Each structure stands twice: as structure tokens, then as C-alpha cells.
Amino acid sequence: MTKGALYFHFDSKADLARGVLQEQLRTGYHLPRELKLQEWVDAGMTLARRLPREPLLLAGVRLSADLQGRDAPDSAWPAWGRLTSCVLAEAKQRGEVLPHVVPEETAQVFLGAWIGVQFVSQAVAGWSDLDDRTSALYDHILPAIAAPAVLFRLDTAPDLGTRVIAEAQHRSAALACVPG
């Protein structure tokens, strides 16, 4: 792609960076679930699966790691924190989350841990173990926040991201075949 073609779609480098960062928040693989906590786990595990395989997503992570990008309003980290906080607040209203949980605080703790998991996976294994590390993160966080009756129903298996992506693609293909 030429520089001219790039600037045809983006007025500046900042606009291009915002476009890259917004790609991380794409919800094409979101599937409604009975449990909001499962939707949250699905989102994290799907991101873990996609991250090392999608250059645009990986570029967004690198931009977010830049100190200047992290402070930008369009940075993915604050957006992921807000998304997590909203999902946890809804899960709390539904009784899926323990009463002591403060959604905003838990979202920030999880975000910090998730960022650390990404960096360690990249440094130690070139992203090849990100699914396993993300699964372990959820396995450690969820017992501290999930209601016991909900906890045993949550799927945090390392292959969850792969399964959610396949399910979303299957649903999308099925919808494309429906006359409308």
C-alpha cells in the first residue's frame, strides 16, 4: 500500500493509530451467553487467540504499550477496562458476582494482570502460550469474584477462544444463508 492510499483513508498518523487501536475492540466474535461472566471470559479468551495471529490486533497492542498511546482517549487499555467494568457491573446486578466486588476496581486489577500476561507470553514463548496463560489468569481471578453457583458453570479452558471464534463464524455463515 502506498503512503497516498493510506492517507486517503486516514488524515494523519494519529487517525491511523486510532483505527488500529479500535480494531482491538471489534465485537464480531461476541456471542450472547446466559452468564455475563461467561461473555467476559469469552471476550478475553477470543482476544488471546486472535492476538498472535492478527497483525492489526498485534499492532494495536504495541501502540497501547507506548506511553503516549496509553494516555490517548482511543487507547485500547482504557476501553478494555471500561468494557470489563460494565460487564462486571451487569454480572453483579444478576447475582453472578460476589457482593464485595467493585466492578471498576476489579476491571483495573484484571487489566493490569492481562497486560502482564501478554508481555510475559511474548517474551517467554513468542505468544505461543497466550491461550494457556489467559486461561490460568481467569482460573485465578474468577474464584475471588464469582458467586459459587456461577463459578462451576464457567468455561475457562485454553481452547475456548478457538471454539468461540468457530461458533461465531458458524452463526455468521448461517445468517448469511437466511433469505432476508
C-alpha atoms as a PDB file:
ATOM      1  CA  MET A   1       0.000   0.000   0.000  1.00  0.00           C
ATOM      2  CA  THR A   2       1.305   3.434  -0.839  1.00  0.00           C
ATOM      3  CA  LYS A   3       1.513   6.330   1.586  1.00  0.00           C
ATOM      4  CA  GLY A   4      -1.036   8.195  -0.546  1.00  0.00           C
ATOM      5  CA  ALA A   5      -3.536   5.332  -0.335  1.00  0.00           C
ATOM      6  CA  LEU A   6      -3.062   5.202   3.409  1.00  0.00           C
ATOM      7  CA  TYR A   7      -3.688   8.926   3.825  1.00  0.00           C
ATOM      8  CA  PHE A   8      -6.749   8.645   1.585  1.00  0.00           C
ATOM      9  CA  HIS A   9      -8.364   6.638   4.410  1.00  0.00           C
ATOM     10  CA  PHE A  10      -6.638   8.347   7.357  1.00  0.00           C
ATOM     11  CA  ASP A  11      -5.955  12.085   7.639  1.00  0.00           C
ATOM     12  CA  SER A  12      -2.946  11.650   9.919  1.00  0.00           C
ATOM     13  CA  LYS A  13      -0.764   9.174  11.761  1.00  0.00           C
ATOM     14  CA  ALA A  14      -2.909   9.779  14.833  1.00  0.00           C
ATOM     15  CA  ASP A  15      -6.051   8.802  12.876  1.00  0.00           C
ATOM     16  CA  LEU A  16      -4.296   5.683  11.625  1.00  0.00           C
ATOM     17  CA  ALA A  17      -3.259   4.797  15.180  1.00  0.00           C
ATOM     18  CA  ARG A  18      -6.844   5.284  16.385  1.00  0.00           C
ATOM     19  CA  GLY A  19      -8.064   2.940  13.633  1.00  0.00           C
ATOM     20  CA  VAL A  20      -5.549   0.289  14.654  1.00  0.00           C
ATOM     21  CA  LEU A  21      -6.493   0.633  18.332  1.00  0.00           C
ATOM     22  CA  GLN A  22     -10.215   0.411  17.575  1.00  0.00           C
ATOM     23  CA  GLU A  23      -9.641  -2.958  15.892  1.00  0.00           C
ATOM     24  CA  GLN A  24      -8.952  -4.447  19.338  1.00  0.00           C
ATOM     25  CA  LEU A  25     -12.464  -3.566  20.431  1.00  0.00           C
ATOM     26  CA  ARG A  26     -14.236  -5.161  17.495  1.00  0.00           C
ATOM     27  CA  THR A  27     -17.123  -7.291  18.722  1.00  0.00           C
ATOM     28  CA  GLY A  28     -17.501  -9.618  15.728  1.00  0.00           C
ATOM     29  CA  TYR A  29     -16.917 -12.628  17.942  1.00  0.00           C
ATOM     30  CA  HIS A  30     -19.273 -11.606  20.753  1.00  0.00           C
ATOM     31  CA  LEU A  31     -21.902 -14.235  21.453  1.00  0.00           C
ATOM     32  CA  PRO A  32     -24.682 -13.662  23.979  1.00  0.00           C
ATOM     33  CA  ARG A  33     -24.478 -16.121  26.870  1.00  0.00           C
ATOM     34  CA  GLU A  34     -26.730 -16.945  29.797  1.00  0.00           C
ATOM     35  CA  LEU A  35     -23.974 -15.709  32.122  1.00  0.00           C
ATOM     36  CA  LYS A  36     -22.404 -12.268  31.672  1.00  0.00           C
ATOM     37  CA  LEU A  37     -19.231 -13.597  33.295  1.00  0.00           C
ATOM     38  CA  GLN A  38     -19.002 -16.195  30.524  1.00  0.00           C
ATOM     39  CA  GLU A  39     -19.290 -13.416  27.932  1.00  0.00           C
ATOM     40  CA  TRP A  40     -16.362 -11.681  29.652  1.00  0.00           C
ATOM     41  CA  VAL A  41     -14.276 -14.853  29.682  1.00  0.00           C
ATOM     42  CA  ASP A  42     -15.201 -15.494  26.032  1.00  0.00           C
ATOM     43  CA  ALA A  43     -14.020 -11.990  25.094  1.00  0.00           C
ATOM     44  CA  GLY A  44     -10.667 -12.385  26.831  1.00  0.00           C
ATOM     45  CA  MET A  45     -10.020 -15.877  25.523  1.00  0.00           C
ATOM     46  CA  THR A  46     -11.015 -14.846  21.996  1.00  0.00           C
ATOM     47  CA  LEU A  47      -8.647 -11.879  22.164  1.00  0.00           C
ATOM     48  CA  ALA A  48      -5.879 -14.177  23.418  1.00  0.00           C
ATOM     49  CA  ARG A  49      -6.474 -16.496  20.467  1.00  0.00           C
ATOM     50  CA  ARG A  50      -6.611 -13.715  17.871  1.00  0.00           C
ATOM     51  CA  LEU A  51      -3.760 -11.572  19.170  1.00  0.00           C
ATOM     52  CA  PRO A  52      -0.731 -13.520  17.902  1.00  0.00           C
ATOM     53  CA  ARG A  53      -2.490 -14.354  14.615  1.00  0.00           C
ATOM     54  CA  GLU A  54      -3.775 -10.942  13.516  1.00  0.00           C
ATOM     55  CA  PRO A  55      -1.140  -8.317  12.642  1.00  0.00           C
ATOM     56  CA  LEU A  56      -3.554  -5.406  13.042  1.00  0.00           C
ATOM     57  CA  LEU A  57      -4.510  -6.546  16.523  1.00  0.00           C
ATOM     58  CA  LEU A  58      -0.865  -7.048  17.447  1.00  0.00           C
ATOM     59  CA  ALA A  59      -0.072  -3.546  16.176  1.00  0.00           C
ATOM     60  CA  GLY A  60      -2.792  -2.207  18.475  1.00  0.00           C
ATOM     61  CA  VAL A  61      -1.199  -3.893  21.475  1.00  0.00           C
ATOM     62  CA  ARG A  62       2.151  -2.387  20.581  1.00  0.00           C
ATOM     63  CA  LEU A  63       0.594   1.059  20.225  1.00  0.00           C
ATOM     64  CA  SER A  64      -1.145   0.678  23.576  1.00  0.00           C
ATOM     65  CA  ALA A  65       2.181  -0.225  25.184  1.00  0.00           C
ATOM     66  CA  ASP A  66       3.610   3.121  24.034  1.00  0.00           C
ATOM     67  CA  LEU A  67       3.350   5.544  26.959  1.00  0.00           C
ATOM     68  CA  GLN A  68       1.924   8.260  24.726  1.00  0.00           C
ATOM     69  CA  GLY A  69      -0.653   5.882  23.213  1.00  0.00           C
ATOM     70  CA  ARG A  70      -1.763   4.650  26.628  1.00  0.00           C
ATOM     71  CA  ASP A  71      -2.805   8.164  27.614  1.00  0.00           C
ATOM     72  CA  ALA A  72      -4.760   8.692  24.419  1.00  0.00           C
ATOM     73  CA  PRO A  73      -8.546   8.515  24.786  1.00  0.00           C
ATOM     74  CA  ASP A  74      -8.739   5.935  21.981  1.00  0.00           C
ATOM     75  CA  SER A  75      -6.149   3.605  23.525  1.00  0.00           C
ATOM     76  CA  ALA A  76      -7.377   0.053  23.861  1.00  0.00           C
ATOM     77  CA  TRP A  77      -6.420  -0.352  27.533  1.00  0.00           C
ATOM     78  CA  PRO A  78      -8.864   2.200  28.988  1.00  0.00           C
ATOM     79  CA  ALA A  79     -11.531   0.925  26.603  1.00  0.00           C
ATOM     80  CA  TRP A  80     -10.963  -2.685  27.734  1.00  0.00           C
ATOM     81  CA  GLY A  81     -11.122  -1.502  31.348  1.00  0.00           C
ATOM     82  CA  ARG A  82     -14.461   0.230  30.730  1.00  0.00           C
ATOM     83  CA  LEU A  83     -15.846  -2.788  28.884  1.00  0.00           C
ATOM     84  CA  THR A  84     -14.793  -5.150  31.685  1.00  0.00           C
ATOM     85  CA  SER A  85     -16.231  -2.823  34.312  1.00  0.00           C
ATOM     86  CA  CYS A  86     -19.588  -2.659  32.503  1.00  0.00           C
ATOM     87  CA  VAL A  87     -19.799  -6.429  32.085  1.00  0.00           C
ATOM     88  CA  LEU A  88     -18.867  -6.998  35.744  1.00  0.00           C
ATOM     89  CA  ALA A  89     -21.452  -4.420  36.869  1.00  0.00           C
ATOM     90  CA  GLU A  90     -24.168  -6.207  34.897  1.00  0.00           C
ATOM     91  CA  ALA A  91     -22.973  -9.579  36.225  1.00  0.00           C
ATOM     92  CA  LYS A  92     -23.163  -8.156  39.760  1.00  0.00           C
ATOM     93  CA  GLN A  93     -26.740  -6.970  39.193  1.00  0.00           C
ATOM     94  CA  ARG A  94     -27.611 -10.504  38.072  1.00  0.00           C
ATOM     95  CA  GLY A  95     -26.059 -12.033  41.185  1.00  0.00           C
ATOM     96  CA  GLU A  96     -23.182 -13.665  39.295  1.00  0.00           C
ATOM     97  CA  VAL A  97     -20.544 -11.681  41.185  1.00  0.00           C
ATOM     98  CA  LEU A  98     -19.920 -11.669  44.927  1.00  0.00           C
ATOM     99  CA  PRO A  99     -21.326  -8.640  46.820  1.00  0.00           C
ATOM    100  CA  HIS A 100     -17.895  -7.275  47.869  1.00  0.00           C
ATOM    101  CA  VAL A 101     -16.719  -6.897  44.268  1.00  0.00           C
ATOM    102  CA  VAL A 102     -16.284  -3.344  42.987  1.00  0.00           C
ATOM    103  CA  PRO A 103     -16.543  -3.710  39.175  1.00  0.00           C
ATOM    104  CA  GLU A 104     -14.304  -0.726  38.319  1.00  0.00           C
ATOM    105  CA  GLU A 105     -11.593  -1.835  40.728  1.00  0.00           C
ATOM    106  CA  THR A 106     -11.722  -5.461  39.591  1.00  0.00           C
ATOM    107  CA  ALA A 107     -11.574  -4.331  35.969  1.00  0.00           C
ATOM    108  CA  GLN A 108      -8.367  -2.382  36.641  1.00  0.00           C
ATOM    109  CA  VAL A 109      -6.760  -5.272  38.524  1.00  0.00           C
ATOM    110  CA  PHE A 110      -7.666  -7.669  35.736  1.00  0.00           C
ATOM    111  CA  LEU A 111      -6.429  -5.265  33.054  1.00  0.00           C
ATOM    112  CA  GLY A 112      -3.039  -4.959  34.737  1.00  0.00           C
ATOM    113  CA  ALA A 113      -2.761  -8.727  35.056  1.00  0.00           C
ATOM    114  CA  TRP A 114      -3.882  -9.251  31.436  1.00  0.00           C
ATOM    115  CA  ILE A 115      -1.263  -6.802  30.167  1.00  0.00           C
ATOM    116  CA  GLY A 116       1.369  -8.624  32.197  1.00  0.00           C
ATOM    117  CA  VAL A 117       0.234 -11.995  30.829  1.00  0.00           C
ATOM    118  CA  GLN A 118       0.588 -10.660  27.280  1.00  0.00           C
ATOM    119  CA  PHE A 119       4.080  -9.310  27.875  1.00  0.00           C
ATOM    120  CA  VAL A 120       5.292 -12.479  29.612  1.00  0.00           C
ATOM    121  CA  SER A 121       3.826 -14.690  26.895  1.00  0.00           C
ATOM    122  CA  GLN A 122       5.503 -12.615  24.195  1.00  0.00           C
ATOM    123  CA  ALA A 123       8.870 -12.573  25.983  1.00  0.00           C
ATOM    124  CA  VAL A 124       8.936 -16.203  27.079  1.00  0.00           C
ATOM    125  CA  ALA A 125       7.105 -18.039  24.327  1.00  0.00           C
ATOM    126  CA  GLY A 126       6.618 -15.687  21.379  1.00  0.00           C
ATOM    127  CA  TRP A 127       2.860 -15.666  22.107  1.00  0.00           C
ATOM    128  CA  SER A 128       2.550 -19.456  21.666  1.00  0.00           C
ATOM    129  CA  ASP A 129       1.236 -19.974  25.214  1.00  0.00           C
ATOM    130  CA  LEU A 130      -1.077 -16.953  25.439  1.00  0.00           C
ATOM    131  CA  ASP A 131      -4.221 -19.145  25.467  1.00  0.00           C
ATOM    132  CA  ASP A 132      -2.866 -21.175  28.399  1.00  0.00           C
ATOM    133  CA  ARG A 133      -1.697 -18.116  30.333  1.00  0.00           C
ATOM    134  CA  THR A 134      -5.015 -16.312  29.818  1.00  0.00           C
ATOM    135  CA  SER A 135      -6.937 -19.398  30.940  1.00  0.00           C
ATOM    136  CA  ALA A 136      -4.787 -19.542  34.086  1.00  0.00           C
ATOM    137  CA  LEU A 137      -5.430 -15.842  34.733  1.00  0.00           C
ATOM    138  CA  TYR A 138      -9.197 -16.376  34.657  1.00  0.00           C
ATOM    139  CA  ASP A 139      -8.814 -19.506  36.813  1.00  0.00           C
ATOM    140  CA  HIS A 140      -7.091 -17.373  39.471  1.00  0.00           C
ATOM    141  CA  ILE A 141      -9.319 -14.278  39.289  1.00  0.00           C
ATOM    142  CA  LEU A 142     -12.767 -15.846  38.997  1.00  0.00           C
ATOM    143  CA  PRO A 143     -12.807 -17.654  42.375  1.00  0.00           C
ATOM    144  CA  ALA A 144     -12.261 -14.280  44.058  1.00  0.00           C
ATOM    145  CA  ILE A 145     -15.190 -12.590  42.314  1.00  0.00           C
ATOM    146  CA  ALA A 146     -17.729 -15.147  41.040  1.00  0.00           C
ATOM    147  CA  ALA A 147     -20.639 -16.448  43.080  1.00  0.00           C
ATOM    148  CA  PRO A 148     -20.015 -20.137  43.865  1.00  0.00           C
ATOM    149  CA  ALA A 149     -23.135 -21.253  41.968  1.00  0.00           C
ATOM    150  CA  VAL A 150     -21.816 -19.455  38.880  1.00  0.00           C
ATOM    151  CA  LEU A 151     -18.141 -20.344  39.189  1.00  0.00           C
ATOM    152  CA  PHE A 152     -18.524 -24.041  38.449  1.00  0.00           C
ATOM    153  CA  ARG A 153     -20.523 -23.232  35.280  1.00  0.00           C
ATOM    154  CA  LEU A 154     -17.815 -21.060  33.700  1.00  0.00           C
ATOM    155  CA  ASP A 155     -15.696 -22.419  30.863  1.00  0.00           C
ATOM    156  CA  THR A 156     -12.113 -21.116  31.007  1.00  0.00           C
ATOM    157  CA  ALA A 157     -10.400 -23.863  29.012  1.00  0.00           C
ATOM    158  CA  PRO A 158      -7.363 -22.811  26.958  1.00  0.00           C
ATOM    159  CA  ASP A 159      -9.157 -23.758  23.714  1.00  0.00           C
ATOM    160  CA  LEU A 160     -12.201 -21.589  24.493  1.00  0.00           C
ATOM    161  CA  GLY A 161     -11.105 -18.745  22.187  1.00  0.00           C
ATOM    162  CA  THR A 162     -10.813 -21.157  19.268  1.00  0.00           C
ATOM    163  CA  ARG A 163     -14.263 -22.583  19.978  1.00  0.00           C
ATOM    164  CA  VAL A 164     -15.922 -19.158  20.355  1.00  0.00           C
ATOM    165  CA  ILE A 165     -14.398 -17.930  17.090  1.00  0.00           C
ATOM    166  CA  ALA A 166     -15.601 -21.058  15.281  1.00  0.00           C
ATOM    167  CA  GLU A 167     -19.088 -20.711  16.779  1.00  0.00           C
ATOM    168  CA  ALA A 168     -19.307 -17.039  15.787  1.00  0.00           C
ATOM    169  CA  GLN A 169     -18.147 -17.808  12.252  1.00  0.00           C
ATOM    170  CA  HIS A 170     -20.670 -20.654  12.000  1.00  0.00           C
ATOM    171  CA  ARG A 171     -23.504 -18.387  13.183  1.00  0.00           C
ATOM    172  CA  SER A 172     -22.421 -15.666  10.759  1.00  0.00           C
ATOM    173  CA  ALA A 173     -22.340 -18.127   7.848  1.00  0.00           C
ATOM    174  CA  ALA A 174     -25.757 -19.496   8.841  1.00  0.00           C
ATOM    175  CA  LEU A 175     -27.210 -15.977   8.921  1.00  0.00           C
ATOM    176  CA  ALA A 176     -25.746 -15.235   5.501  1.00  0.00           C
ATOM    177  CA  CYS A 177     -27.711 -18.186   4.097  1.00  0.00           C
ATOM    178  CA  VAL A 178     -31.035 -17.000   5.501  1.00  0.00           C
ATOM    179  CA  PRO A 179     -33.105 -15.123   2.909  1.00  0.00           C
ATOM    180  CA  GLY A 180     -33.833 -11.682   4.123  1.00  0.00           C
END
